[in-house]
C-alpha atoms as a PDB file:
ATOM      1  CA  MET A   1       1.672 -24.508  74.441  1.00  0.00           C
ATOM      2  CA  TYR A   2       2.398 -26.047  71.046  1.00  0.00           C
ATOM      3  CA  ARG A   3       5.952 -26.986  72.107  1.00  0.00           C
ATOM      4  CA  LYS A   4       4.653 -28.659  75.252  1.00  0.00           C
ATOM      5  CA  ALA A   5       2.061 -30.563  73.248  1.00  0.00           C
ATOM      6  CA  VAL A   6       4.761 -31.747  70.805  1.00  0.00           C
ATOM      7  CA  VAL A   7       7.022 -32.894  73.728  1.00  0.00           C
ATOM      8  CA  LYS A   8       4.202 -34.545  75.676  1.00  0.00           C
ATOM      9  CA  GLY A   9       2.294 -35.823  72.644  1.00  0.00           C
ATOM     10  CA  CYS A  10      -0.974 -34.164  73.662  1.00  0.00           C
ATOM     11  CA  THR A  11      -2.500 -31.351  75.713  1.00  0.00           C
ATOM     12  CA  ASP A  12      -5.782 -30.556  77.396  1.00  0.00           C
ATOM     13  CA  ARG A  13      -8.362 -29.089  75.085  1.00  0.00           C
ATOM     14  CA  GLU A  14      -9.423 -26.619  77.738  1.00  0.00           C
ATOM     15  CA  GLY A  15      -7.317 -23.495  77.583  1.00  0.00           C
ATOM     16  CA  ALA A  16      -5.784 -24.262  74.179  1.00  0.00           C
ATOM     17  CA  PRO A  17      -5.130 -21.081  72.142  1.00  0.00           C
ATOM     18  CA  ALA A  18      -7.664 -20.577  69.337  1.00  0.00           C
ATOM     19  CA  CYS A  19      -4.880 -19.746  66.871  1.00  0.00           C
ATOM     20  CA  LEU A  20      -3.425 -23.267  67.215  1.00  0.00           C
ATOM     21  CA  LEU A  21      -6.827 -24.749  66.495  1.00  0.00           C
ATOM     22  CA  ARG A  22      -7.475 -22.371  63.593  1.00  0.00           C
ATOM     23  CA  MET A  23      -4.084 -23.179  62.042  1.00  0.00           C
ATOM     24  CA  GLY A  24      -4.680 -26.924  62.448  1.00  0.00           C
ATOM     25  CA  LEU A  25      -1.574 -27.377  64.624  1.00  0.00           C
ATOM     26  CA  LEU A  26      -3.692 -28.969  67.384  1.00  0.00           C
ATOM     27  CA  VAL A  27      -6.548 -31.350  66.534  1.00  0.00           C
ATOM     28  CA  PRO A  28      -8.747 -33.668  68.612  1.00  0.00           C
ATOM     29  CA  PRO A  29      -8.012 -37.394  68.256  1.00  0.00           C
ATOM     30  CA  PRO A  30     -10.933 -39.617  67.182  1.00  0.00           C
ATOM     31  CA  ASP A  31     -11.092 -41.498  70.510  1.00  0.00           C
ATOM     32  CA  ASP A  32     -10.834 -38.648  73.078  1.00  0.00           C
ATOM     33  CA  PRO A  33     -12.478 -35.266  72.471  1.00  0.00           C
ATOM     34  CA  THR A  34     -11.094 -33.850  75.737  1.00  0.00           C
ATOM     35  CA  VAL A  35      -7.511 -33.646  74.529  1.00  0.00           C
ATOM     36  CA  LEU A  36      -5.684 -32.254  71.493  1.00  0.00           C
ATOM     37  CA  VAL A  37      -2.738 -33.804  69.664  1.00  0.00           C
ATOM     38  CA  PRO A  38      -0.065 -31.840  67.771  1.00  0.00           C
ATOM     39  CA  VAL A  39       0.155 -31.926  63.949  1.00  0.00           C
ATOM     40  CA  SER A  40       3.281 -31.328  61.880  1.00  0.00           C
ATOM     41  CA  PRO A  41       3.455 -27.736  60.559  1.00  0.00           C
ATOM     42  CA  ASP A  42       3.922 -29.048  56.993  1.00  0.00           C
ATOM     43  CA  VAL A  43       0.774 -31.157  57.245  1.00  0.00           C
ATOM     44  CA  ALA A  44      -1.225 -28.356  58.873  1.00  0.00           C
ATOM     45  CA  LYS A  45      -0.074 -25.881  56.209  1.00  0.00           C
ATOM     46  CA  ALA A  46      -0.890 -28.279  53.380  1.00  0.00           C
ATOM     47  CA  GLU A  47      -4.415 -28.785  54.734  1.00  0.00           C
ATOM     48  CA  LEU A  48      -5.013 -25.037  54.888  1.00  0.00           C
ATOM     49  CA  VAL A  49      -3.527 -24.297  51.440  1.00  0.00           C
ATOM     50  CA  ARG A  50      -5.099 -27.248  49.565  1.00  0.00           C
ATOM     51  CA  PRO A  51      -8.638 -25.831  49.187  1.00  0.00           C
ATOM     52  CA  ILE A  52      -7.210 -22.488  48.047  1.00  0.00           C
ATOM     53  CA  GLU A  53      -5.044 -24.220  45.437  1.00  0.00           C
ATOM     54  CA  GLN A  54      -8.026 -26.267  44.304  1.00  0.00           C
ATOM     55  CA  SER A  55     -10.061 -23.101  43.892  1.00  0.00           C
ATOM     56  CA  LEU A  56      -7.251 -21.434  41.943  1.00  0.00           C
ATOM     57  CA  GLU A  57      -6.914 -24.464  39.675  1.00  0.00           C
ATOM     58  CA  LYS A  58     -10.634 -24.420  38.975  1.00  0.00           C
ATOM     59  CA  GLN A  59     -10.454 -20.709  38.119  1.00  0.00           C
ATOM     60  CA  ARG A  60      -7.457 -21.365  35.856  1.00  0.00           C
ATOM     61  CA  LEU A  61      -9.352 -24.090  34.032  1.00  0.00           C
ATOM     62  CA  ASP A  62     -12.398 -21.815  33.724  1.00  0.00           C
ATOM     63  CA  ALA A  63     -10.213 -19.015  32.301  1.00  0.00           C
ATOM     64  CA  GLN A  64      -8.609 -21.431  29.813  1.00  0.00           C
ATOM     65  CA  ALA A  65     -12.027 -22.683  28.731  1.00  0.00           C
ATOM     66  CA  ILE A  66     -13.169 -19.104  28.057  1.00  0.00           C
ATOM     67  CA  ALA A  67      -9.997 -18.380  26.058  1.00  0.00           C
ATOM     68  CA  ASP A  68     -10.434 -21.584  24.009  1.00  0.00           C
ATOM     69  CA  SER A  69     -14.038 -20.689  23.195  1.00  0.00           C
ATOM     70  CA  PHE A  70     -12.855 -17.389  21.657  1.00  0.00           C
ATOM     71  CA  VAL A  71     -10.280 -18.986  19.306  1.00  0.00           C
ATOM     72  CA  PRO A  72     -12.719 -19.692  16.421  1.00  0.00           C
ATOM     73  CA  VAL A  73     -14.417 -16.323  16.939  1.00  0.00           C
ATOM     74  CA  GLY A  74     -11.053 -14.569  16.717  1.00  0.00           C
ATOM     75  CA  ALA A  75     -10.272 -16.383  13.470  1.00  0.00           C
ATOM     76  CA  ILE A  76     -13.591 -15.274  11.984  1.00  0.00           C
ATOM     77  CA  TYR A  77     -12.986 -11.671  13.037  1.00  0.00           C
ATOM     78  CA  THR A  78      -9.424 -11.610  11.635  1.00  0.00           C
ATOM     79  CA  ALA A  79     -10.515 -13.069   8.301  1.00  0.00           C
ATOM     80  CA  ALA A  80     -13.446 -10.658   8.022  1.00  0.00           C
ATOM     81  CA  LYS A  81     -11.240  -7.647   8.762  1.00  0.00           C
ATOM     82  CA  ARG A  82      -8.671  -8.801   6.231  1.00  0.00           C
ATOM     83  CA  GLU A  83     -11.328  -9.185   3.552  1.00  0.00           C
ATOM     84  CA  HIS A  84     -12.897  -5.823   4.351  1.00  0.00           C
ATOM     85  CA  THR A  85      -9.918  -3.528   4.913  1.00  0.00           C
ATOM     86  CA  GLY A  86      -6.804  -5.634   4.453  1.00  0.00           C
ATOM     87  CA  TRP A  87      -6.514  -4.991   0.701  1.00  0.00           C
ATOM     88  CA  ALA A  88      -4.525  -1.803   1.275  1.00  0.00           C
ATOM     89  CA  THR A  89      -2.389  -0.117   3.899  1.00  0.00           C
ATOM     90  CA  THR A  90      -2.295   3.682   4.068  1.00  0.00           C
ATOM     91  CA  ILE A  91       1.101   5.369   4.277  1.00  0.00           C
ATOM     92  CA  ASP A  92       1.020   9.019   5.318  1.00  0.00           C
ATOM     93  CA  GLY A  93       3.821  11.571   4.998  1.00  0.00           C
ATOM     94  CA  GLU A  94       6.427  12.003   2.274  1.00  0.00           C
ATOM     95  CA  GLN A  95       9.225  10.736   4.516  1.00  0.00           C
ATOM     96  CA  ALA A  96       7.310   7.556   5.377  1.00  0.00           C
ATOM     97  CA  ILE A  97       6.393   7.013   1.709  1.00  0.00           C
ATOM     98  CA  HIS A  98       9.997   7.496   0.596  1.00  0.00           C
ATOM     99  CA  ALA A  99      11.327   5.106   3.257  1.00  0.00           C
ATOM    100  CA  THR A 100       8.712   2.464   2.404  1.00  0.00           C
ATOM    101  CA  LEU A 101       9.386   2.655  -1.327  1.00  0.00           C
ATOM    102  CA  ALA A 102      13.153   2.620  -0.821  1.00  0.00           C
ATOM    103  CA  HIS A 103      12.899  -0.555   1.233  1.00  0.00           C
ATOM    104  CA  ALA A 104      10.499  -2.171  -1.253  1.00  0.00           C
ATOM    105  CA  VAL A 105      12.773  -1.410  -4.219  1.00  0.00           C
ATOM    106  CA  ARG A 106      15.804  -2.761  -2.370  1.00  0.00           C
ATOM    107  CA  GLU A 107      13.879  -5.987  -1.799  1.00  0.00           C
ATOM    108  CA  CYS A 108      12.875  -6.274  -5.475  1.00  0.00           C
ATOM    109  CA  ARG A 109      14.143  -9.558  -6.897  1.00  0.00           C
ATOM    110  CA  GLU A 110      12.392 -10.071 -10.239  1.00  0.00           C
ATOM    111  CA  GLU A 111      10.798  -6.976 -11.752  1.00  0.00           C
ATOM    112  CA  LEU A 112      10.003  -3.339 -11.043  1.00  0.00           C
ATOM    113  CA  MET A 113       7.296  -1.551 -13.046  1.00  0.00           C
ATOM    114  CA  THR A 114       6.854   2.202 -12.668  1.00  0.00           C
ATOM    115  CA  VAL A 115       4.489   4.740 -14.192  1.00  0.00           C
ATOM    116  CA  GLN A 116       5.580   8.351 -13.800  1.00  0.00           C
ATOM    117  CA  PRO A 117       3.160  10.979 -15.102  1.00  0.00           C
ATOM    118  CA  GLY A 118       4.248  14.584 -15.358  1.00  0.00           C
ATOM    119  CA  GLY A 119       6.999  16.023 -17.481  1.00  0.00           C
ATOM    120  CA  SER A 120       8.788  18.104 -14.898  1.00  0.00           C
ATOM    121  CA  ARG A 121       8.491  16.418 -11.502  1.00  0.00           C
ATOM    122  CA  LEU A 122       8.730  12.769 -10.596  1.00  0.00           C
ATOM    123  CA  SER A 123       6.038  11.413  -8.328  1.00  0.00           C
ATOM    124  CA  TYR A 124       7.276  10.370  -4.886  1.00  0.00           C
ATOM    125  CA  ASP A 125      10.751  11.674  -5.813  1.00  0.00           C
ATOM    126  CA  LEU A 126      11.970   8.346  -7.124  1.00  0.00           C
ATOM    127  CA  ASP A 127      15.393   9.603  -8.244  1.00  0.00           C
ATOM    128  CA  GLY A 128      17.174   7.533  -5.619  1.00  0.00           C
ATOM    129  CA  LEU A 129      14.822   4.577  -5.693  1.00  0.00           C
ATOM    130  CA  ASP A 130      15.093   3.247  -9.211  1.00  0.00           C
ATOM    131  CA  HIS A 131      18.376   1.388  -9.019  1.00  0.00           C
ATOM    132  CA  VAL A 132      17.144  -2.185  -9.036  1.00  0.00           C
ATOM    133  CA  ARG A 133      19.515  -5.003  -8.238  1.00  0.00           C
ATOM    134  CA  ARG A 134      20.376  -7.135 -11.247  1.00  0.00           C
ATOM    135  CA  PRO A 135      19.093  -9.421 -12.618  1.00  0.00           C
ATOM    136  CA  ALA A 136      15.767  -7.821 -11.739  1.00  0.00           C
ATOM    137  CA  ARG A 137      14.114  -6.115 -14.716  1.00  0.00           C
ATOM    138  CA  HIS A 138      12.974  -2.505 -14.571  1.00  0.00           C
ATOM    139  CA  ARG A 139      10.417  -1.039 -16.958  1.00  0.00           C
ATOM    140  CA  ALA A 140       9.371   2.606 -16.712  1.00  0.00           C
ATOM    141  CA  LEU A 141       6.513   4.415 -18.457  1.00  0.00           C
ATOM    142  CA  HIS A 142       6.574   8.185 -18.904  1.00  0.00           C
ATOM    143  CA  GLN A 143       4.661  10.698 -20.975  1.00  0.00           C
ATOM    144  CA  HIS A 144       5.931  11.891 -24.355  1.00  0.00           C
ATOM    145  CA  ALA A 145       6.491  15.276 -22.713  1.00  0.00           C
ATOM    146  CA  VAL A 146       9.624  13.999 -20.935  1.00  0.00           C
ATOM    147  CA  ARG A 147      11.388  13.766 -24.303  1.00  0.00           C
ATOM    148  CA  THR A 148      11.897  17.535 -24.200  1.00  0.00           C
ATOM    149  CA  HIS A 149      12.401  17.994 -20.461  1.00  0.00           C
ATOM    150  CA  THR A 150      16.099  18.226 -19.605  1.00  0.00           C
ATOM    151  CA  ALA A 151      15.950  17.419 -15.878  1.00  0.00           C
ATOM    152  CA  THR A 152      13.814  14.342 -16.382  1.00  0.00           C
ATOM    153  CA  LEU A 153      15.972  13.193 -19.292  1.00  0.00           C
ATOM    154  CA  ARG A 154      19.022  13.256 -17.013  1.00  0.00           C
ATOM    155  CA  HIS A 155      17.173  10.984 -14.597  1.00  0.00           C
ATOM    156  CA  ILE A 156      16.050   8.660 -17.408  1.00  0.00           C
ATOM    157  CA  GLU A 157      19.598   8.580 -18.789  1.00  0.00           C
ATOM    158  CA  ARG A 158      20.782   7.145 -15.467  1.00  0.00           C
ATOM    159  CA  LEU A 159      17.981   4.574 -15.521  1.00  0.00           C
ATOM    160  CA  VAL A 160      18.780   3.460 -19.057  1.00  0.00           C
ATOM    161  CA  GLY A 161      22.462   3.236 -18.143  1.00  0.00           C
ATOM    162  CA  ALA A 162      21.495   0.895 -15.281  1.00  0.00           C
ATOM    163  CA  GLY A 163      19.562  -1.355 -17.675  1.00  0.00           C
ATOM    164  CA  CYS A 164      16.078   0.125 -17.383  1.00  0.00           C
ATOM    165  CA  GLU A 165      13.701  -0.057 -20.355  1.00  0.00           C
ATOM    166  CA  VAL A 166      11.797   3.207 -20.880  1.00  0.00           C
ATOM    167  CA  ARG A 167       8.755   3.869 -23.043  1.00  0.00           C
ATOM    168  CA  THR A 168       6.544   6.933 -23.416  1.00  0.00           C
ATOM    169  CA  LEU A 169       2.869   7.560 -24.169  1.00  0.00           C
ATOM    170  CA  ASP A 170       0.872  10.679 -24.984  1.00  0.00           C
ATOM    171  CA  HIS A 171      -0.614  10.402 -21.497  1.00  0.00           C
ATOM    172  CA  VAL A 172      -0.390   7.797 -18.738  1.00  0.00           C
ATOM    173  CA  ILE A 173      -2.363   6.767 -15.684  1.00  0.00           C
ATOM    174  CA  ASP A 174      -1.690   8.032 -12.175  1.00  0.00           C
ATOM    175  CA  PRO A 175       1.621   7.152 -10.484  1.00  0.00           C
ATOM    176  CA  LEU A 176       2.009   3.395 -10.121  1.00  0.00           C
ATOM    177  CA  ILE A 177       4.801   1.228  -8.735  1.00  0.00           C
ATOM    178  CA  ILE A 178       4.612  -2.580  -8.892  1.00  0.00           C
ATOM    179  CA  ILE A 179       7.267  -4.762  -7.302  1.00  0.00           C
ATOM    180  CA  ASP A 180       7.687  -8.432  -8.214  1.00  0.00           C
ATOM    181  CA  ARG A 181       4.003  -8.539  -9.215  1.00  0.00           C
ATOM    182  CA  THR A 182       3.114  -8.994  -5.530  1.00  0.00           C
ATOM    183  CA  VAL A 183       2.820  -5.472  -4.116  1.00  0.00           C
ATOM    184  CA  ALA A 184       1.737  -2.194  -5.701  1.00  0.00           C
ATOM    185  CA  TYR A 185       1.857   1.431  -4.577  1.00  0.00           C
ATOM    186  CA  VAL A 186      -0.618   4.077  -5.751  1.00  0.00           C
ATOM    187  CA  PRO A 187      -1.505   7.573  -4.505  1.00  0.00           C
ATOM    188  CA  GLY A 188      -3.692   7.568  -1.417  1.00  0.00           C
ATOM    189  CA  ARG A 189      -5.591  10.597  -2.679  1.00  0.00           C
ATOM    190  CA  ILE A 190      -5.773  12.027  -6.186  1.00  0.00           C
ATOM    191  CA  GLY A 191      -3.089  14.652  -6.630  1.00  0.00           C
ATOM    192  CA  ALA A 192      -1.701  14.148  -3.129  1.00  0.00           C
ATOM    193  CA  ARG A 193       2.014  13.552  -2.557  1.00  0.00           C
ATOM    194  CA  THR A 194       1.654  12.935   1.178  1.00  0.00           C
ATOM    195  CA  SER A 195      -0.465   9.797   1.082  1.00  0.00           C
ATOM    196  CA  ALA A 196       0.010   6.426  -0.607  1.00  0.00           C
ATOM    197  CA  LEU A 197      -1.627   3.004  -0.566  1.00  0.00           C
ATOM    198  CA  GLU A 198       0.338  -0.229  -0.335  1.00  0.00           C
ATOM    199  CA  ILE A 199      -1.714  -2.920  -2.060  1.00  0.00           C
ATOM    200  CA  ARG A 200      -1.024  -6.616  -1.506  1.00  0.00           C
ATOM    201  CA  GLN A 201      -4.389  -8.111  -2.454  1.00  0.00           C
ATOM    202  CA  PRO A 202      -3.437 -10.542  -5.266  1.00  0.00           C
ATOM    203  CA  SER A 203      -6.424  -9.830  -7.515  1.00  0.00           C
ATOM    204  CA  LEU A 204      -5.927  -6.064  -7.320  1.00  0.00           C
ATOM    205  CA  VAL A 205      -2.191  -6.329  -7.937  1.00  0.00           C
ATOM    206  CA  SER A 206      -2.848  -8.620 -10.908  1.00  0.00           C
ATOM    207  CA  PHE A 207      -5.294  -6.065 -12.334  1.00  0.00           C
ATOM    208  CA  LEU A 208      -2.742  -3.260 -11.982  1.00  0.00           C
ATOM    209  CA  VAL A 209      -0.110  -5.427 -13.692  1.00  0.00           C
ATOM    210  CA  GLN A 210      -2.516  -5.898 -16.603  1.00  0.00           C
ATOM    211  CA  VAL A 211      -3.122  -2.144 -16.785  1.00  0.00           C
ATOM    212  CA  PHE A 212       0.626  -1.561 -16.917  1.00  0.00           C
ATOM    213  CA  GLU A 213       1.191  -4.242 -19.563  1.00  0.00           C
ATOM    214  CA  GLU A 214      -1.495  -2.811 -21.842  1.00  0.00           C
ATOM    215  CA  ALA A 215      -0.040   0.682 -21.511  1.00  0.00           C
ATOM    216  CA  TRP A 216       3.458  -0.713 -22.094  1.00  0.00           C
ATOM    217  CA  GLU A 217       2.359  -2.325 -25.370  1.00  0.00           C
ATOM    218  CA  ARG A 218       1.071   1.049 -26.593  1.00  0.00           C
ATOM    219  CA  GLY A 219       4.222   2.895 -25.556  1.00  0.00           C
ATOM    220  CA  THR A 220       7.059   4.048 -27.800  1.00  0.00           C
ATOM    221  CA  SER A 221      10.582   3.078 -26.810  1.00  0.00           C
ATOM    222  CA  LEU A 222      12.895   5.858 -25.689  1.00  0.00           C
ATOM    223  CA  ALA A 223      16.219   5.063 -27.362  1.00  0.00           C
ATOM    224  CA  PRO A 224      19.406   5.613 -25.308  1.00  0.00           C
ATOM    225  CA  ARG A 225      20.556   8.446 -27.592  1.00  0.00           C
ATOM    226  CA  SER A 226      17.203  10.185 -27.030  1.00  0.00           C
ATOM    227  CA  CYS A 227      17.872  10.199 -23.282  1.00  0.00           C
ATOM    228  CA  ASP A 228      20.941  12.409 -23.634  1.00  0.00           C
ATOM    229  CA  PRO A 229      19.765  15.847 -22.437  1.00  0.00           C
ATOM    230  CA  ARG A 230      22.619  17.447 -24.428  1.00  0.00           C
ATOM    231  CA  SER A 231      21.257  16.199 -27.735  1.00  0.00           C
ATOM    232  CA  SER A 232      18.583  17.908 -29.788  1.00  0.00           C
ATOM    233  CA  ARG A 233      15.269  18.065 -27.973  1.00  0.00           C
ATOM    234  CA  THR A 234      13.195  17.934 -31.147  1.00  0.00           C
ATOM    235  CA  VAL A 235      10.403  15.368 -30.827  1.00  0.00           C
ATOM    236  CA  GLU A 236      10.256  12.721 -33.547  1.00  0.00           C
ATOM    237  CA  PRO A 237       7.477  13.280 -36.126  1.00  0.00           C
ATOM    238  CA  GLY A 238       5.573  10.164 -35.037  1.00  0.00           C
ATOM    239  CA  ILE A 239       5.618  11.218 -31.380  1.00  0.00           C
ATOM    240  CA  ALA A 240       4.600  14.779 -32.311  1.00  0.00           C
ATOM    241  CA  ASP A 241       1.625  13.376 -34.229  1.00  0.00           C
ATOM    242  CA  GLU A 242       0.572  11.302 -31.208  1.00  0.00           C
ATOM    243  CA  ILE A 243       0.763  14.360 -28.949  1.00  0.00           C
ATOM    244  CA  GLN A 244      -1.289  16.404 -31.405  1.00  0.00           C
ATOM    245  CA  ARG A 245      -3.929  13.664 -31.630  1.00  0.00           C
ATOM    246  CA  ALA A 246      -4.076  13.524 -27.825  1.00  0.00           C
ATOM    247  CA  VAL A 247      -4.588  17.298 -27.721  1.00  0.00           C
ATOM    248  CA  MET A 248      -7.386  16.984 -30.275  1.00  0.00           C
ATOM    249  CA  ARG A 249      -9.101  14.154 -28.359  1.00  0.00           C
ATOM    250  CA  LEU A 250      -9.054  16.135 -25.130  1.00  0.00           C
ATOM    251  CA  LEU A 251     -10.094  19.312 -26.906  1.00  0.00           C
ATOM    252  CA  VAL A 252     -13.115  17.540 -28.443  1.00  0.00           C
ATOM    253  CA  ALA A 253     -13.966  16.242 -24.966  1.00  0.00           C
ATOM    254  CA  GLY A 254     -14.187  19.845 -23.769  1.00  0.00           C
ATOM    255  CA  HIS A 255     -11.038  20.131 -21.642  1.00  0.00           C
ATOM    256  CA  THR A 256      -9.349  23.488 -21.139  1.00  0.00           C
ATOM    257  CA  ASP A 257      -5.730  24.107 -22.165  1.00  0.00           C
ATOM    258  CA  GLU A 258      -4.710  23.894 -18.517  1.00  0.00           C
ATOM    259  CA  ALA A 259      -6.476  20.552 -18.029  1.00  0.00           C
ATOM    260  CA  ILE A 260      -4.949  19.183 -21.239  1.00  0.00           C
ATOM    261  CA  ALA A 261      -1.494  20.282 -20.105  1.00  0.00           C
ATOM    262  CA  ARG A 262      -1.948  18.450 -16.799  1.00  0.00           C
ATOM    263  CA  ARG A 263      -3.066  15.277 -18.569  1.00  0.00           C
ATOM    264  CA  LEU A 264      -0.164  15.334 -21.011  1.00  0.00           C
ATOM    265  CA  GLY A 265       2.475  16.449 -18.519  1.00  0.00           C
ATOM    266  CA  THR A 266       3.416  19.491 -20.570  1.00  0.00           C
ATOM    267  CA  SER A 267       3.047  23.255 -20.297  1.00  0.00           C
ATOM    268  CA  ARG A 268      -0.072  25.246 -21.022  1.00  0.00           C
ATOM    269  CA  ARG A 269       1.890  27.281 -23.558  1.00  0.00           C
ATOM    270  CA  THR A 270       2.782  24.135 -25.494  1.00  0.00           C
ATOM    271  CA  VAL A 271      -0.862  23.051 -25.539  1.00  0.00           C
ATOM    272  CA  ALA A 272      -1.924  26.518 -26.698  1.00  0.00           C
ATOM    273  CA  ALA A 273       0.586  26.287 -29.566  1.00  0.00           C
ATOM    274  CA  HIS A 274      -0.896  22.940 -30.646  1.00  0.00           C
ATOM    275  CA  VAL A 275      -4.431  24.330 -30.465  1.00  0.00           C
ATOM    276  CA  SER A 276      -3.388  27.384 -32.487  1.00  0.00           C
ATOM    277  CA  ARG A 277      -1.850  25.244 -35.243  1.00  0.00           C
ATOM    278  CA  ILE A 278      -4.906  22.976 -35.409  1.00  0.00           C
ATOM    279  CA  ALA A 279      -7.257  25.973 -35.502  1.00  0.00           C
ATOM    280  CA  ALA A 280      -5.257  27.551 -38.308  1.00  0.00           C
ATOM    281  CA  ALA A 281      -5.306  24.325 -40.308  1.00  0.00           C
ATOM    282  CA  LEU A 282      -9.089  24.008 -39.944  1.00  0.00           C
ATOM    283  CA  ARG A 283      -9.736  27.765 -40.229  1.00  0.00           C
ATOM    284  CA  SER A 284     -11.696  27.683 -36.999  1.00  0.00           C
ATOM    285  CA  ARG A 285     -12.953  30.938 -35.506  1.00  0.00           C
ATOM    286  CA  SER A 286     -13.854  29.647 -32.031  1.00  0.00           C
ATOM    287  CA  ARG A 287     -12.952  26.840 -29.644  1.00  0.00           C
ATOM    288  CA  ALA A 288     -16.431  25.299 -29.881  1.00  0.00           C
ATOM    289  CA  GLN A 289     -16.223  25.303 -33.669  1.00  0.00           C
ATOM    290  CA  LEU A 290     -12.720  23.832 -33.485  1.00  0.00           C
ATOM    291  CA  GLY A 291     -13.909  20.877 -31.403  1.00  0.00           C
ATOM    292  CA  TYR A 292     -16.749  20.256 -33.852  1.00  0.00           C
ATOM    293  CA  LEU A 293     -14.466  20.461 -36.882  1.00  0.00           C
ATOM    294  CA  ILE A 294     -11.959  18.038 -35.359  1.00  0.00           C
ATOM    295  CA  ALA A 295     -14.753  15.580 -34.581  1.00  0.00           C
ATOM    296  CA  THR A 296     -16.339  15.779 -38.018  1.00  0.00           C
ATOM    297  CA  THR A 297     -13.480  16.214 -40.491  1.00  0.00           C
ATOM    298  CA  GLY A 298     -11.694  12.897 -39.965  1.00  0.00           C
ATOM    299  CA  MET A 299      -8.600  14.250 -38.214  1.00  0.00           C
ATOM    300  CA  LEU A 300      -8.902  11.528 -35.586  1.00  0.00           C
ATOM    301  CA  PRO A 301      -8.933   7.766 -36.238  1.00  0.00           C
ATOM    302  CA  GLY A 302     -12.379   6.235 -36.573  1.00  0.00           C
ATOM    303  CA  ASP A 303     -12.585   4.849 -33.018  1.00  0.00           C
ATOM    304  CA  GLU A 304     -11.574   8.224 -31.573  1.00  0.00           C
ATOM    305  CA  ARG A 305     -13.940  10.448 -33.567  1.00  0.00           C
ATOM    306  CA  ARG A 306     -16.900  11.500 -31.482  1.00  0.00           C
ATOM    307  CA  GLU A 307     -19.445  14.234 -31.561  1.00  0.00           C
ATOM    308  CA  PRO A 308     -18.798  17.079 -29.094  1.00  0.00           C
ATOM    309  CA  ASP A 309     -21.532  15.656 -26.852  1.00  0.00           C
ATOM    310  CA  GLY A 310     -19.765  12.281 -26.724  1.00  0.00           C
ATOM    311  CA  GLY A 311     -21.721  10.455 -29.432  1.00  0.00           C
ATOM    312  CA  ARG A 312     -19.800   8.396 -31.965  1.00  0.00           C
ATOM    313  CA  LEU A 313     -19.749   9.452 -35.567  1.00  0.00           C
ATOM    314  CA  SER A 314     -20.186   6.984 -38.346  1.00  0.00           C
ATOM    315  CA  THR A 315     -16.967   6.318 -40.243  1.00  0.00           C
END
């Protein structure tokens, strides 16, 4: 029927298939409603598709308008989340911590600062992570206790040989690693080796740098010859005095030998030996009396002398 209409140029309206009318392939001319004239398939198809395409375009524009309206809201949300929780990223698992630190140290370009409490075991097992590329500077803080610990001295000897500067204190803060003064790593939980925090918030990193610098100024340099584990492990008199004063401060504060040993990174037996010597010197008959005698007999510097209950004594 359509072919005949195309050949003839028109066809009777009566009897025309509904599908040809529905598809727009046959349409009535404006001057004779009794006949139908053929329409090109391309034109008929375009007329059928055009309203659908118009509807789709309107929906596309509506979808784009919705997306655009959420752009400022998304920026607000991202900024708020960054301010609230973006100051630190949690790293869980020793393997993940080790891999993260190894990568961070390899990327160090200017300076690495490390604080390693404990006389017998290095936090986060940093033995393979401390070799900083020159000319980056590496400064490491340890406790005085490492001066008599052979295994740790071997590790420190390698660091010093690679150009690291090492100082020790009677006791140091928790493990701390600062890289290029832009990122810091601290334990995720106190005493935990399976969780760490990566801190990139500038103000927090700057504060931790200041903490390190103040501790560094109070530290005593560990000379290269002192790092040789084969040399005598006798602690210098000045260092021994500092350790004894630290024991006395903690003893006055009421800490047990075990707690003092943890703070100083040494053994409980060593702490007990210090306490015994101090007690003998002061002729103390009990631990409570010993703390009182230390606090009241001037064995500690003026700003460290306090009553057993925490009150300051007059100098």
